[in-house]
C-alpha atoms as a PDB file:
ATOM      1  CA  UNK A   1       0.000   0.000   0.000  1.00  0.00           C
ATOM      2  CA  UNK A   2       2.916   2.344  -0.598  1.00  0.00           C
ATOM      3  CA  UNK A   3       2.017   5.728  -2.033  1.00  0.00           C
ATOM      4  CA  UNK A   4       4.191   6.213  -5.117  1.00  0.00           C
ATOM      5  CA  UNK A   5       2.900   9.558  -6.299  1.00  0.00           C
ATOM      6  CA  UNK A   6       1.892  12.803  -4.654  1.00  0.00           C
ATOM      7  CA  UNK A   7      -1.582  12.839  -6.223  1.00  0.00           C
ATOM      8  CA  UNK A   8      -4.473  10.433  -6.649  1.00  0.00           C
ATOM      9  CA  UNK A   9      -6.949  10.218  -9.559  1.00  0.00           C
ATOM     10  CA  UNK A  10      -8.830  13.259  -8.289  1.00  0.00           C
ATOM     11  CA  UNK A  11      -5.721  15.427  -8.413  1.00  0.00           C
ATOM     12  CA  UNK A  12      -5.512  15.621  -4.623  1.00  0.00           C
ATOM     13  CA  UNK A  13      -2.383  14.844  -2.644  1.00  0.00           C
ATOM     14  CA  UNK A  14      -2.306  11.069  -2.092  1.00  0.00           C
ATOM     15  CA  UNK A  15      -3.320   9.860   1.362  1.00  0.00           C
ATOM     16  CA  UNK A  16      -0.238   9.045   3.386  1.00  0.00           C
ATOM     17  CA  UNK A  17       2.245  10.932   1.211  1.00  0.00           C
ATOM     18  CA  UNK A  18       2.925  13.538   3.881  1.00  0.00           C
ATOM     19  CA  UNK A  19       3.396  10.895   6.585  1.00  0.00           C
ATOM     20  CA  UNK A  20       5.835   8.954   4.429  1.00  0.00           C
ATOM     21  CA  UNK A  21       7.778  12.105   3.665  1.00  0.00           C
ATOM     22  CA  UNK A  22       7.919  13.122   7.337  1.00  0.00           C
ATOM     23  CA  UNK A  23       8.407   9.739   9.032  1.00  0.00           C
ATOM     24  CA  UNK A  24       9.543   7.286   6.381  1.00  0.00           C
ATOM     25  CA  UNK A  25       7.590   4.416   4.836  1.00  0.00           C
ATOM     26  CA  UNK A  26       7.768   2.001   7.768  1.00  0.00           C
ATOM     27  CA  UNK A  27       6.691   4.494  10.432  1.00  0.00           C
ATOM     28  CA  UNK A  28       3.824   5.569   8.163  1.00  0.00           C
ATOM     29  CA  UNK A  29       2.695   1.929   7.889  1.00  0.00           C
ATOM     30  CA  UNK A  30       3.952   0.421  11.152  1.00  0.00           C
ATOM     31  CA  UNK A  31       0.653  -0.629  12.683  1.00  0.00           C
ATOM     32  CA  UNK A  32      -0.649  -1.798   9.320  1.00  0.00           C
ATOM     33  CA  UNK A  33       2.403  -4.052   8.933  1.00  0.00           C
ATOM     34  CA  UNK A  34       1.980  -5.430  12.455  1.00  0.00           C
ATOM     35  CA  UNK A  35      -1.706  -6.107  11.805  1.00  0.00           C
ATOM     36  CA  UNK A  36      -1.015  -7.996   8.594  1.00  0.00           C
ATOM     37  CA  UNK A  37       1.670 -10.090  10.258  1.00  0.00           C
ATOM     38  CA  UNK A  38      -0.707 -10.873  13.135  1.00  0.00           C
ATOM     39  CA  UNK A  39      -3.588 -11.797  10.840  1.00  0.00           C
ATOM     40  CA  UNK A  40      -1.414 -14.040   8.687  1.00  0.00           C
ATOM     41  CA  UNK A  41       0.282 -15.639  11.706  1.00  0.00           C
ATOM     42  CA  UNK A  42      -3.079 -16.495  13.306  1.00  0.00           C
ATOM     43  CA  UNK A  43      -4.336 -17.930  10.035  1.00  0.00           C
ATOM     44  CA  UNK A  44      -1.112 -19.928   9.628  1.00  0.00           C
ATOM     45  CA  UNK A  45      -1.414 -21.427  13.124  1.00  0.00           C
ATOM     46  CA  UNK A  46      -4.842 -22.781  12.230  1.00  0.00           C
ATOM     47  CA  UNK A  47      -3.786 -24.052   8.809  1.00  0.00           C
ATOM     48  CA  UNK A  48      -0.421 -25.755   9.368  1.00  0.00           C
ATOM     49  CA  UNK A  49      -2.189 -28.594  11.168  1.00  0.00           C
ATOM     50  CA  UNK A  50      -4.571 -29.746   8.428  1.00  0.00           C
ATOM     51  CA  UNK A  51      -2.179 -28.749   5.632  1.00  0.00           C
ATOM     52  CA  UNK A  52       1.149 -29.996   7.041  1.00  0.00           C
ATOM     53  CA  UNK A  53       0.289 -32.177  10.036  1.00  0.00           C
ATOM     54  CA  UNK A  54       1.811 -29.815  12.651  1.00  0.00           C
ATOM     55  CA  UNK A  55      -0.994 -29.500  15.170  1.00  0.00           C
ATOM     56  CA  UNK A  56      -0.115 -26.431  17.228  1.00  0.00           C
ATOM     57  CA  UNK A  57      -3.743 -25.299  17.096  1.00  0.00           C
ATOM     58  CA  UNK A  58      -6.632 -27.706  16.576  1.00  0.00           C
ATOM     59  CA  UNK A  59      -9.994 -26.452  15.416  1.00  0.00           C
ATOM     60  CA  UNK A  60     -10.969 -23.135  13.872  1.00  0.00           C
ATOM     61  CA  UNK A  61     -11.715 -19.551  14.869  1.00  0.00           C
ATOM     62  CA  UNK A  62     -15.027 -20.585  16.385  1.00  0.00           C
ATOM     63  CA  UNK A  63     -13.489 -23.117  18.775  1.00  0.00           C
ATOM     64  CA  UNK A  64      -9.918 -24.309  19.137  1.00  0.00           C
ATOM     65  CA  UNK A  65      -7.390 -25.968  21.415  1.00  0.00           C
ATOM     66  CA  UNK A  66      -3.816 -24.659  21.440  1.00  0.00           C
ATOM     67  CA  UNK A  67      -0.982 -27.067  22.315  1.00  0.00           C
ATOM     68  CA  UNK A  68      -3.646 -29.440  23.690  1.00  0.00           C
ATOM     69  CA  UNK A  69      -3.909 -27.149  26.723  1.00  0.00           C
ATOM     70  CA  UNK A  70      -5.481 -23.773  25.995  1.00  0.00           C
ATOM     71  CA  UNK A  71      -9.147 -23.784  24.902  1.00  0.00           C
ATOM     72  CA  UNK A  72     -10.434 -20.736  23.030  1.00  0.00           C
ATOM     73  CA  UNK A  73     -14.042 -20.297  21.925  1.00  0.00           C
ATOM     74  CA  UNK A  74     -15.837 -17.505  20.110  1.00  0.00           C
ATOM     75  CA  UNK A  75     -18.490 -16.094  22.477  1.00  0.00           C
ATOM     76  CA  UNK A  76     -20.632 -15.007  19.511  1.00  0.00           C
ATOM     77  CA  UNK A  77     -20.770 -18.547  18.133  1.00  0.00           C
ATOM     78  CA  UNK A  78     -21.338 -19.923  21.629  1.00  0.00           C
ATOM     79  CA  UNK A  79     -24.261 -17.534  22.115  1.00  0.00           C
ATOM     80  CA  UNK A  80     -25.820 -18.717  18.859  1.00  0.00           C
ATOM     81  CA  UNK A  81     -25.325 -22.297  20.002  1.00  0.00           C
ATOM     82  CA  UNK A  82     -27.145 -21.558  23.246  1.00  0.00           C
ATOM     83  CA  UNK A  83     -30.042 -20.195  21.198  1.00  0.00           C
ATOM     84  CA  UNK A  84     -30.349 -23.583  19.496  1.00  0.00           C
ATOM     85  CA  UNK A  85     -30.695 -25.263  22.890  1.00  0.00           C
ATOM     86  CA  UNK A  86     -27.215 -26.799  22.965  1.00  0.00           C
ATOM     87  CA  UNK A  87     -25.500 -26.854  26.346  1.00  0.00           C
ATOM     88  CA  UNK A  88     -21.775 -26.037  26.076  1.00  0.00           C
ATOM     89  CA  UNK A  89     -19.174 -28.294  27.668  1.00  0.00           C
ATOM     90  CA  UNK A  90     -16.908 -26.995  30.421  1.00  0.00           C
ATOM     91  CA  UNK A  91     -13.965 -26.604  28.038  1.00  0.00           C
ATOM     92  CA  UNK A  92     -16.091 -24.430  25.772  1.00  0.00           C
ATOM     93  CA  UNK A  93     -17.162 -22.212  28.660  1.00  0.00           C
ATOM     94  CA  UNK A  94     -13.545 -21.766  29.738  1.00  0.00           C
ATOM     95  CA  UNK A  95     -12.615 -20.846  26.164  1.00  0.00           C
ATOM     96  CA  UNK A  96     -15.436 -18.288  25.974  1.00  0.00           C
ATOM     97  CA  UNK A  97     -14.380 -16.771  29.308  1.00  0.00           C
ATOM     98  CA  UNK A  98     -10.774 -16.338  28.115  1.00  0.00           C
ATOM     99  CA  UNK A  99     -11.753 -14.697  24.831  1.00  0.00           C
ATOM    100  CA  UNK A 100     -14.425 -12.504  26.437  1.00  0.00           C
ATOM    101  CA  UNK A 101     -12.061 -11.169  29.106  1.00  0.00           C
ATOM    102  CA  UNK A 102      -9.393 -10.506  26.471  1.00  0.00           C
ATOM    103  CA  UNK A 103     -11.687  -8.420  24.263  1.00  0.00           C
ATOM    104  CA  UNK A 104     -13.392  -6.747  27.215  1.00  0.00           C
ATOM    105  CA  UNK A 105      -9.975  -5.375  28.168  1.00  0.00           C
ATOM    106  CA  UNK A 106      -8.454  -4.477  24.798  1.00  0.00           C
ATOM    107  CA  UNK A 107     -11.524  -3.619  22.723  1.00  0.00           C
ATOM    108  CA  UNK A 108     -13.879  -5.975  20.948  1.00  0.00           C
ATOM    109  CA  UNK A 109     -13.408  -4.593  17.462  1.00  0.00           C
ATOM    110  CA  UNK A 110      -9.717  -5.258  17.660  1.00  0.00           C
ATOM    111  CA  UNK A 111     -10.913  -8.664  16.434  1.00  0.00           C
ATOM    112  CA  UNK A 112     -12.012  -6.970  13.201  1.00  0.00           C
ATOM    113  CA  UNK A 113      -8.692  -5.269  12.442  1.00  0.00           C
ATOM    114  CA  UNK A 114      -6.133  -7.655  13.964  1.00  0.00           C
ATOM    115  CA  UNK A 115      -7.662 -11.136  13.649  1.00  0.00           C
ATOM    116  CA  UNK A 116     -10.381 -11.334  10.975  1.00  0.00           C
ATOM    117  CA  UNK A 117      -8.907 -12.330   7.576  1.00  0.00           C
ATOM    118  CA  UNK A 118     -11.786 -10.630   5.730  1.00  0.00           C
ATOM    119  CA  UNK A 119     -10.297  -7.327   6.912  1.00  0.00           C
ATOM    120  CA  UNK A 120      -7.460  -7.879   4.433  1.00  0.00           C
ATOM    121  CA  UNK A 121     -10.036  -8.020   1.619  1.00  0.00           C
ATOM    122  CA  UNK A 122     -11.947  -4.928   2.742  1.00  0.00           C
ATOM    123  CA  UNK A 123      -8.752  -2.932   3.339  1.00  0.00           C
ATOM    124  CA  UNK A 124      -7.654  -3.831  -0.182  1.00  0.00           C
ATOM    125  CA  UNK A 125     -11.015  -2.653  -1.507  1.00  0.00           C
ATOM    126  CA  UNK A 126     -10.615   0.669   0.330  1.00  0.00           C
ATOM    127  CA  UNK A 127      -7.131   1.098  -1.130  1.00  0.00           C
ATOM    128  CA  UNK A 128      -8.384   0.378  -4.674  1.00  0.00           C
ATOM    129  CA  UNK A 129     -11.254   2.813  -4.234  1.00  0.00           C
ATOM    130  CA  UNK A 130      -8.859   5.569  -3.129  1.00  0.00           C
ATOM    131  CA  UNK A 131      -6.453   4.860  -5.985  1.00  0.00           C
ATOM    132  CA  UNK A 132      -9.304   5.066  -8.500  1.00  0.00           C
ATOM    133  CA  UNK A 133     -10.601   8.246  -6.873  1.00  0.00           C
ATOM    134  CA  UNK A 134     -14.076   6.759  -6.409  1.00  0.00           C
ATOM    135  CA  UNK A 135     -16.502   8.606  -4.156  1.00  0.00           C
ATOM    136  CA  UNK A 136     -18.906   5.977  -2.866  1.00  0.00           C
ATOM    137  CA  UNK A 137     -21.466   6.541  -0.129  1.00  0.00           C
ATOM    138  CA  UNK A 138     -23.345   3.735   1.590  1.00  0.00           C
ATOM    139  CA  UNK A 139     -27.046   2.953   1.138  1.00  0.00           C
ATOM    140  CA  UNK A 140     -26.994   1.262   4.557  1.00  0.00           C
ATOM    141  CA  UNK A 141     -27.165   2.734   8.017  1.00  0.00           C
ATOM    142  CA  UNK A 142     -24.397   1.722  10.404  1.00  0.00           C
ATOM    143  CA  UNK A 143     -27.145   0.404  12.680  1.00  0.00           C
ATOM    144  CA  UNK A 144     -27.958  -2.226  10.029  1.00  0.00           C
ATOM    145  CA  UNK A 145     -25.241  -4.510  11.398  1.00  0.00           C
ATOM    146  CA  UNK A 146     -26.946  -4.509  14.802  1.00  0.00           C
ATOM    147  CA  UNK A 147     -30.243  -5.535  13.224  1.00  0.00           C
ATOM    148  CA  UNK A 148     -28.404  -8.329  11.424  1.00  0.00           C
ATOM    149  CA  UNK A 149     -26.772  -9.312  14.713  1.00  0.00           C
ATOM    150  CA  UNK A 150     -30.211  -9.643  16.251  1.00  0.00           C
ATOM    151  CA  UNK A 151     -31.380 -11.693  13.274  1.00  0.00           C
ATOM    152  CA  UNK A 152     -28.456 -14.136  13.631  1.00  0.00           C
ATOM    153  CA  UNK A 153     -29.509 -14.722  17.242  1.00  0.00           C
ATOM    154  CA  UNK A 154     -33.200 -15.163  16.445  1.00  0.00           C
ATOM    155  CA  UNK A 155     -32.728 -17.607  13.572  1.00  0.00           C
ATOM    156  CA  UNK A 156     -31.126 -20.305  15.771  1.00  0.00           C
ATOM    157  CA  UNK A 157     -34.217 -20.174  17.992  1.00  0.00           C
ATOM    158  CA  UNK A 158     -36.422 -20.791  14.966  1.00  0.00           C
ATOM    159  CA  UNK A 159     -34.296 -23.250  12.991  1.00  0.00           C
ATOM    160  CA  UNK A 160     -32.385 -25.049  15.733  1.00  0.00           C
ATOM    161  CA  UNK A 161     -29.105 -24.476  13.906  1.00  0.00           C
ATOM    162  CA  UNK A 162     -26.396 -21.823  13.754  1.00  0.00           C
ATOM    163  CA  UNK A 163     -27.520 -20.368  10.444  1.00  0.00           C
ATOM    164  CA  UNK A 164     -24.941 -17.572  10.323  1.00  0.00           C
ATOM    165  CA  UNK A 165     -22.035 -20.012  10.075  1.00  0.00           C
ATOM    166  CA  UNK A 166     -23.353 -21.117   6.682  1.00  0.00           C
ATOM    167  CA  UNK A 167     -22.689 -17.600   5.347  1.00  0.00           C
ATOM    168  CA  UNK A 168     -19.939 -16.257   7.609  1.00  0.00           C
ATOM    169  CA  UNK A 169     -17.131 -15.116   5.236  1.00  0.00           C
ATOM    170  CA  UNK A 170     -14.477 -15.931   7.862  1.00  0.00           C
ATOM    171  CA  UNK A 171     -15.656 -19.531   8.124  1.00  0.00           C
ATOM    172  CA  UNK A 172     -15.987 -19.803   4.358  1.00  0.00           C
ATOM    173  CA  UNK A 173     -12.433 -18.541   3.846  1.00  0.00           C
ATOM    174  CA  UNK A 174     -11.073 -20.947   6.446  1.00  0.00           C
ATOM    175  CA  UNK A 175     -12.864 -23.988   5.029  1.00  0.00           C
ATOM    176  CA  UNK A 176     -12.088 -22.884   1.492  1.00  0.00           C
ATOM    177  CA  UNK A 177      -8.315 -22.676   2.039  1.00  0.00           C
ATOM    178  CA  UNK A 178      -8.285 -26.217   3.444  1.00  0.00           C
ATOM    179  CA  UNK A 179     -10.818 -27.950   1.232  1.00  0.00           C
ATOM    180  CA  UNK A 180     -10.796 -25.706  -1.838  1.00  0.00           C
ATOM    181  CA  UNK A 181     -12.370 -22.300  -2.012  1.00  0.00           C
ATOM    182  CA  UNK A 182     -15.150 -23.197  -4.431  1.00  0.00           C
ATOM    183  CA  UNK A 183     -18.039 -20.766  -4.045  1.00  0.00           C
ATOM    184  CA  UNK A 184     -16.191 -19.096  -1.141  1.00  0.00           C
ATOM    185  CA  UNK A 185     -14.252 -17.245  -3.858  1.00  0.00           C
ATOM    186  CA  UNK A 186     -17.533 -15.737  -5.013  1.00  0.00           C
ATOM    187  CA  UNK A 187     -18.313 -14.477  -1.493  1.00  0.00           C
ATOM    188  CA  UNK A 188     -14.843 -12.934  -1.095  1.00  0.00           C
ATOM    189  CA  UNK A 189     -14.958 -11.298  -4.530  1.00  0.00           C
ATOM    190  CA  UNK A 190     -18.514 -10.086  -3.867  1.00  0.00           C
ATOM    191  CA  UNK A 191     -17.432  -8.389  -0.626  1.00  0.00           C
ATOM    192  CA  UNK A 192     -14.474  -6.803  -2.421  1.00  0.00           C
ATOM    193  CA  UNK A 193     -16.595  -5.436  -5.284  1.00  0.00           C
ATOM    194  CA  UNK A 194     -19.349  -4.371  -2.886  1.00  0.00           C
ATOM    195  CA  UNK A 195     -16.870  -2.284  -0.877  1.00  0.00           C
ATOM    196  CA  UNK A 196     -15.244  -0.769  -3.969  1.00  0.00           C
ATOM    197  CA  UNK A 197     -18.284   0.173  -6.042  1.00  0.00           C
ATOM    198  CA  UNK A 198     -21.437   0.065  -3.904  1.00  0.00           C
ATOM    199  CA  UNK A 199     -20.823   0.889  -0.267  1.00  0.00           C
ATOM    200  CA  UNK A 200     -17.712   2.472   1.247  1.00  0.00           C
ATOM    201  CA  UNK A 201     -16.559   0.168   4.040  1.00  0.00           C
ATOM    202  CA  UNK A 202     -19.885  -1.524   3.421  1.00  0.00           C
ATOM    203  CA  UNK A 203     -19.228  -4.965   4.829  1.00  0.00           C
ATOM    204  CA  UNK A 204     -17.195  -4.227   7.972  1.00  0.00           C
ATOM    205  CA  UNK A 205     -18.699  -0.813   8.676  1.00  0.00           C
ATOM    206  CA  UNK A 206     -22.375  -1.397   7.922  1.00  0.00           C
ATOM    207  CA  UNK A 207     -23.337  -5.061   7.630  1.00  0.00           C
ATOM    208  CA  UNK A 208     -21.096  -7.530   9.472  1.00  0.00           C
ATOM    209  CA  UNK A 209     -22.867  -8.857  12.601  1.00  0.00           C
ATOM    210  CA  UNK A 210     -19.570 -10.166  13.996  1.00  0.00           C
ATOM    211  CA  UNK A 211     -18.218  -6.629  14.181  1.00  0.00           C
ATOM    212  CA  UNK A 212     -21.467  -5.505  15.793  1.00  0.00           C
ATOM    213  CA  UNK A 213     -21.169  -8.179  18.470  1.00  0.00           C
ATOM    214  CA  UNK A 214     -17.550  -7.384  19.289  1.00  0.00           C
ATOM    215  CA  UNK A 215     -18.227  -3.650  19.405  1.00  0.00           C
ATOM    216  CA  UNK A 216     -20.750  -4.331  22.175  1.00  0.00           C
ATOM    217  CA  UNK A 217     -18.381  -6.710  23.954  1.00  0.00           C
ATOM    218  CA  UNK A 218     -15.586  -4.136  24.065  1.00  0.00           C
ATOM    219  CA  UNK A 219     -17.713  -1.082  24.809  1.00  0.00           C
ATOM    220  CA  UNK A 220     -15.838  -0.298  28.050  1.00  0.00           C
ATOM    221  CA  UNK A 221     -12.433  -1.646  27.090  1.00  0.00           C
ATOM    222  CA  UNK A 222      -9.226  -0.226  28.540  1.00  0.00           C
ATOM    223  CA  UNK A 223      -7.167   0.080  25.350  1.00  0.00           C
ATOM    224  CA  UNK A 224      -8.026   3.212  23.376  1.00  0.00           C
ATOM    225  CA  UNK A 225      -6.596   5.524  20.742  1.00  0.00           C
ATOM    226  CA  UNK A 226      -6.097   9.108  21.889  1.00  0.00           C
ATOM    227  CA  UNK A 227      -5.748  12.334  19.906  1.00  0.00           C
ATOM    228  CA  UNK A 228      -3.403  13.454  22.669  1.00  0.00           C
ATOM    229  CA  UNK A 229      -1.740  16.156  20.548  1.00  0.00           C
ATOM    230  CA  UNK A 230      -4.872  17.359  18.784  1.00  0.00           C
ATOM    231  CA  UNK A 231      -3.659  20.960  19.000  1.00  0.00           C
ATOM    232  CA  UNK A 232      -1.074  19.993  16.352  1.00  0.00           C
ATOM    233  CA  UNK A 233      -3.749  18.893  13.854  1.00  0.00           C
ATOM    234  CA  UNK A 234      -3.470  20.812  10.565  1.00  0.00           C
ATOM    235  CA  UNK A 235      -6.751  19.504   9.093  1.00  0.00           C
ATOM    236  CA  UNK A 236      -5.130  17.477   6.321  1.00  0.00           C
ATOM    237  CA  UNK A 237      -8.062  15.006   6.632  1.00  0.00           C
ATOM    238  CA  UNK A 238      -5.883  11.923   6.039  1.00  0.00           C
ATOM    239  CA  UNK A 239      -7.021  10.243   9.260  1.00  0.00           C
ATOM    240  CA  UNK A 240     -10.688  10.612   8.285  1.00  0.00           C
ATOM    241  CA  UNK A 241     -10.024   9.168   4.838  1.00  0.00           C
ATOM    242  CA  UNK A 242      -8.011   6.197   6.074  1.00  0.00           C
ATOM    243  CA  UNK A 243     -10.113   5.327   9.143  1.00  0.00           C
ATOM    244  CA  UNK A 244     -12.588   2.438   8.703  1.00  0.00           C
ATOM    245  CA  UNK A 245     -14.901   4.160  11.211  1.00  0.00           C
ATOM    246  CA  UNK A 246     -14.182   7.887  10.645  1.00  0.00           C
ATOM    247  CA  UNK A 247     -17.119   9.097  12.737  1.00  0.00           C
ATOM    248  CA  UNK A 248     -15.338   7.948  15.895  1.00  0.00           C
ATOM    249  CA  UNK A 249     -12.466  10.409  15.354  1.00  0.00           C
ATOM    250  CA  UNK A 250     -14.212  13.783  15.199  1.00  0.00           C
ATOM    251  CA  UNK A 251     -15.368  14.144  18.841  1.00  0.00           C
ATOM    252  CA  UNK A 252     -11.893  13.427  20.218  1.00  0.00           C
ATOM    253  CA  UNK A 253     -10.039  15.423  17.568  1.00  0.00           C
ATOM    254  CA  UNK A 254     -12.295  18.494  17.368  1.00  0.00           C
ATOM    255  CA  UNK A 255     -13.937  18.565  20.781  1.00  0.00           C
ATOM    256  CA  UNK A 256     -11.381  20.568  22.758  1.00  0.00           C
ATOM    257  CA  UNK A 257     -13.546  23.714  22.851  1.00  0.00           C
ATOM    258  CA  UNK A 258     -16.456  21.610  24.167  1.00  0.00           C
ATOM    259  CA  UNK A 259     -14.389  19.981  26.887  1.00  0.00           C
ATOM    260  CA  UNK A 260     -14.469  16.584  25.194  1.00  0.00           C
ATOM    261  CA  UNK A 261     -11.614  14.238  26.085  1.00  0.00           C
ATOM    262  CA  UNK A 262      -9.067  13.475  23.348  1.00  0.00           C
ATOM    263  CA  UNK A 263      -9.714   9.793  24.035  1.00  0.00           C
ATOM    264  CA  UNK A 264     -11.606   7.990  21.257  1.00  0.00           C
ATOM    265  CA  UNK A 265     -14.154   6.438  23.589  1.00  0.00           C
ATOM    266  CA  UNK A 266     -16.298   4.814  20.920  1.00  0.00           C
ATOM    267  CA  UNK A 267     -16.788   1.046  20.799  1.00  0.00           C
ATOM    268  CA  UNK A 268     -16.795   0.982  16.990  1.00  0.00           C
ATOM    269  CA  UNK A 269     -13.134   2.061  16.890  1.00  0.00           C
ATOM    270  CA  UNK A 270     -11.203  -0.964  15.639  1.00  0.00           C
ATOM    271  CA  UNK A 271      -7.878   0.027  17.251  1.00  0.00           C
ATOM    272  CA  UNK A 272      -6.264  -0.539  13.876  1.00  0.00           C
ATOM    273  CA  UNK A 273      -3.699   2.214  14.441  1.00  0.00           C
ATOM    274  CA  UNK A 274      -3.928   3.642  10.926  1.00  0.00           C
ATOM    275  CA  UNK A 275      -4.682   7.135  12.208  1.00  0.00           C
ATOM    276  CA  UNK A 276      -1.431   6.903  14.197  1.00  0.00           C
ATOM    277  CA  UNK A 277       0.476   5.778  11.102  1.00  0.00           C
ATOM    278  CA  UNK A 278      -0.973   8.283   8.677  1.00  0.00           C
ATOM    279  CA  UNK A 279      -0.593  11.455  10.744  1.00  0.00           C
ATOM    280  CA  UNK A 280       2.600  13.334   9.945  1.00  0.00           C
ATOM    281  CA  UNK A 281       1.944  15.582  12.970  1.00  0.00           C
ATOM    282  CA  UNK A 282       1.850  12.587  15.369  1.00  0.00           C
ATOM    283  CA  UNK A 283      -1.505  13.664  16.802  1.00  0.00           C
ATOM    284  CA  UNK A 284      -2.625  10.136  17.727  1.00  0.00           C
ATOM    285  CA  UNK A 285      -1.233   7.403  19.949  1.00  0.00           C
ATOM    286  CA  UNK A 286      -2.419   4.290  21.756  1.00  0.00           C
ATOM    287  CA  UNK A 287      -3.491   5.011  25.309  1.00  0.00           C
ATOM    288  CA  UNK A 288      -5.842   3.675  27.980  1.00  0.00           C
ATOM    289  CA  UNK A 289      -9.264   4.606  29.228  1.00  0.00           C
ATOM    290  CA  UNK A 290      -7.655   5.993  32.364  1.00  0.00           C
ATOM    291  CA  UNK A 291      -5.076   8.170  30.633  1.00  0.00           C
ATOM    292  CA  UNK A 292      -5.923  10.432  27.684  1.00  0.00           C
END
């Protein structure tokens, strides 16, 4: 995602050019690089077992066992299972407790930016859209994902099965890599094209019920991004353009005259760190709820 020119298709200065010039390429992409390495490493841990017979992690992102000791279970999937009437085993409950505590502390939507492999697809779509200079609004409200979240919890009550897992792009990608992508390719390509041409950040920002669930789980998390040097902001707008949830930035960045804390205290923030990367004035940094 390196910016090679100073202008995009609209004739405007390319997003990130100033940060690269001021800080160098790596510092302008540091958290992005770390995220990609984390996403790929997590995916690799799940895949080297079935692909190469090295069983460090057994299972999938819904439920797994690491080194035959550490159980980890997705609380969202577990909740859907409870709706079907299934009673979880003790190991599953322990796994849910571990994951829930982790995301309660660091922010639920960190799952979206640091773990979910679909994020790689949607980030690529955002990059392509910026390079093409496309201005795409969304026909969906950001509350739509919460309605879909509710639907995924009601359907198991009606059908007796976890319906969402039949369509979950994360599960489809995982199964597809192991057994052959098949129609999973169509889902991945559809999400990519949807985000490029139909709805800006449409999947992650407006529709995905997984993101909705984790935003609620991490509503009071400790880890936060802070616009701690917001007085240095020169209104270049790069952070708003690059952020997957730009509405979370404005109160913290522009609320000094209203006495609003520089802490981005919004559960939809994904803690992706791109605003930190992209700002040549170093306005943003990672902080905690107790220290702005």
